[in-house]
Amino acid sequence: VVAKCKNLRHLDDRPVFDDERRCCDQWLRGGIEAERAERQKIRNESAAKRQANHEAFAKLVNDGNRNANNLADESDADIDDDDSKR
């Protein structure tokens, strides 16, 4: 039903998600093996997206730490300059 009705957004009281639609389309084209391959492809895509998000967050944290260290170094330099003027 899902594979045949492209505009179907809900089945009974449940939404039809894109992943479910992808699997149903593959099942219609190639049977259970094609559906399994599509499910694996979806899992791989999800894992790649999680990994990319993890790497982006780690970069954000590292950049923030680097900026904080630079600000601390500049602040220390300003304090040293003030002490030498006295």
C-alpha atoms as a PDB file:
ATOM      1  CA  VAL A   1       0.000   0.000   0.000  1.00  0.00           C
ATOM      2  CA  VAL A   2       2.752   2.451   0.992  1.00  0.00           C
ATOM      3  CA  ALA A   3       4.784   1.766  -2.151  1.00  0.00           C
ATOM      4  CA  LYS A   4       1.784   2.200  -4.469  1.00  0.00           C
ATOM      5  CA  CYS A   5       0.380   5.382  -2.856  1.00  0.00           C
ATOM      6  CA  LYS A   6       3.090   8.022  -3.175  1.00  0.00           C
ATOM      7  CA  ASN A   7       0.944  10.723  -1.539  1.00  0.00           C
ATOM      8  CA  LEU A   8       0.072   8.574   1.482  1.00  0.00           C
ATOM      9  CA  ARG A   9       1.197  10.419   4.607  1.00  0.00           C
ATOM     10  CA  HIS A  10      -0.610   8.402   7.305  1.00  0.00           C
ATOM     11  CA  LEU A  11      -1.700   4.788   7.476  1.00  0.00           C
ATOM     12  CA  ASP A  12      -4.437   4.315  10.047  1.00  0.00           C
ATOM     13  CA  ASP A  13      -3.253   6.558  12.909  1.00  0.00           C
ATOM     14  CA  ARG A  14       0.494   6.305  12.154  1.00  0.00           C
ATOM     15  CA  PRO A  15       2.574   8.577   9.941  1.00  0.00           C
ATOM     16  CA  VAL A  16       4.434   7.037   7.015  1.00  0.00           C
ATOM     17  CA  PHE A  17       8.097   7.944   7.448  1.00  0.00           C
ATOM     18  CA  ASP A  18      10.552   8.378   4.589  1.00  0.00           C
ATOM     19  CA  ASP A  19      12.650   5.389   5.686  1.00  0.00           C
ATOM     20  CA  GLU A  20       9.589   3.150   5.719  1.00  0.00           C
ATOM     21  CA  ARG A  21       8.630   4.387   2.264  1.00  0.00           C
ATOM     22  CA  ARG A  22      12.152   3.718   0.964  1.00  0.00           C
ATOM     23  CA  CYS A  23      12.060   0.155   2.292  1.00  0.00           C
ATOM     24  CA  CYS A  24       8.612  -0.497   0.847  1.00  0.00           C
ATOM     25  CA  ASP A  25       9.670   0.818  -2.552  1.00  0.00           C
ATOM     26  CA  GLN A  26      12.707  -1.471  -2.559  1.00  0.00           C
ATOM     27  CA  TRP A  27      10.623  -4.444  -1.457  1.00  0.00           C
ATOM     28  CA  LEU A  28       8.281  -3.805  -4.382  1.00  0.00           C
ATOM     29  CA  ARG A  29      11.216  -3.613  -6.809  1.00  0.00           C
ATOM     30  CA  GLY A  30      13.368  -6.494  -5.571  1.00  0.00           C
ATOM     31  CA  GLY A  31      11.716  -8.376  -2.747  1.00  0.00           C
ATOM     32  CA  ILE A  32      13.036  -9.010   0.729  1.00  0.00           C
ATOM     33  CA  GLU A  33      16.725  -8.887  -0.289  1.00  0.00           C
ATOM     34  CA  ALA A  34      16.333  -5.408  -1.794  1.00  0.00           C
ATOM     35  CA  GLU A  35      14.475  -4.278   1.332  1.00  0.00           C
ATOM     36  CA  ARG A  36      17.255  -5.616   3.571  1.00  0.00           C
ATOM     37  CA  ALA A  37      19.876  -3.869   1.455  1.00  0.00           C
ATOM     38  CA  GLU A  38      17.926  -0.601   1.734  1.00  0.00           C
ATOM     39  CA  ARG A  39      17.636  -0.980   5.524  1.00  0.00           C
ATOM     40  CA  GLN A  40      21.409  -1.476   5.711  1.00  0.00           C
ATOM     41  CA  LYS A  41      21.922   1.575   3.517  1.00  0.00           C
ATOM     42  CA  ILE A  42      19.666   3.614   5.840  1.00  0.00           C
ATOM     43  CA  ARG A  43      21.642   2.407   8.889  1.00  0.00           C
ATOM     44  CA  ASN A  44      24.919   3.350   7.192  1.00  0.00           C
ATOM     45  CA  GLU A  45      23.581   6.807   6.313  1.00  0.00           C
ATOM     46  CA  SER A  46      22.442   7.332   9.910  1.00  0.00           C
ATOM     47  CA  ALA A  47      25.820   6.236  11.277  1.00  0.00           C
ATOM     48  CA  ALA A  48      27.637   8.575   8.874  1.00  0.00           C
ATOM     49  CA  LYS A  49      25.395  11.456   9.905  1.00  0.00           C
ATOM     50  CA  ARG A  50      26.004  10.757  13.612  1.00  0.00           C
ATOM     51  CA  GLN A  51      29.759  10.588  12.991  1.00  0.00           C
ATOM     52  CA  ALA A  52      29.703  13.889  11.086  1.00  0.00           C
ATOM     53  CA  ASN A  53      27.746  15.515  13.922  1.00  0.00           C
ATOM     54  CA  HIS A  54      30.210  14.126  16.461  1.00  0.00           C
ATOM     55  CA  GLU A  55      33.183  15.462  14.506  1.00  0.00           C
ATOM     56  CA  ALA A  56      31.536  18.875  14.071  1.00  0.00           C
ATOM     57  CA  PHE A  57      30.845  19.076  17.807  1.00  0.00           C
ATOM     58  CA  ALA A  58      34.417  18.047  18.667  1.00  0.00           C
ATOM     59  CA  LYS A  59      35.722  20.760  16.323  1.00  0.00           C
ATOM     60  CA  LEU A  60      33.404  23.301  17.950  1.00  0.00           C
ATOM     61  CA  VAL A  61      34.693  22.349  21.410  1.00  0.00           C
ATOM     62  CA  ASN A  62      38.333  22.464  20.287  1.00  0.00           C
ATOM     63  CA  ASP A  63      37.832  25.860  18.624  1.00  0.00           C
ATOM     64  CA  GLY A  64      36.171  27.169  21.775  1.00  0.00           C
ATOM     65  CA  ASN A  65      38.998  25.906  23.955  1.00  0.00           C
ATOM     66  CA  ARG A  66      41.575  27.422  21.616  1.00  0.00           C
ATOM     67  CA  ASN A  67      39.772  30.781  21.678  1.00  0.00           C
ATOM     68  CA  ALA A  68      39.515  30.681  25.469  1.00  0.00           C
ATOM     69  CA  ASN A  69      43.243  29.947  25.742  1.00  0.00           C
ATOM     70  CA  ASN A  70      44.056  32.811  23.376  1.00  0.00           C
ATOM     71  CA  LEU A  71      41.918  35.191  25.429  1.00  0.00           C
ATOM     72  CA  ALA A  72      43.595  34.013  28.629  1.00  0.00           C
ATOM     73  CA  ASP A  73      47.045  34.527  27.090  1.00  0.00           C
ATOM     74  CA  GLU A  74      46.101  38.037  25.958  1.00  0.00           C
ATOM     75  CA  SER A  75      44.745  38.820  29.421  1.00  0.00           C
ATOM     76  CA  ASP A  76      47.978  37.584  31.042  1.00  0.00           C
ATOM     77  CA  ALA A  77      50.008  39.726  28.639  1.00  0.00           C
ATOM     78  CA  ASP A  78      47.933  42.790  29.541  1.00  0.00           C
ATOM     79  CA  ILE A  79      48.493  42.140  33.260  1.00  0.00           C
ATOM     80  CA  ASP A  80      52.253  41.739  32.698  1.00  0.00           C
ATOM     81  CA  ASP A  81      52.335  45.027  30.769  1.00  0.00           C
ATOM     82  CA  ASP A  82      50.521  46.820  33.593  1.00  0.00           C
ATOM     83  CA  ASP A  83      52.969  45.418  36.181  1.00  0.00           C
ATOM     84  CA  SER A  84      56.017  46.529  34.186  1.00  0.00           C
ATOM     85  CA  LYS A  85      54.686  50.109  33.976  1.00  0.00           C
ATOM     86  CA  ARG A  86      54.547  50.417  37.769  1.00  0.00           C
END
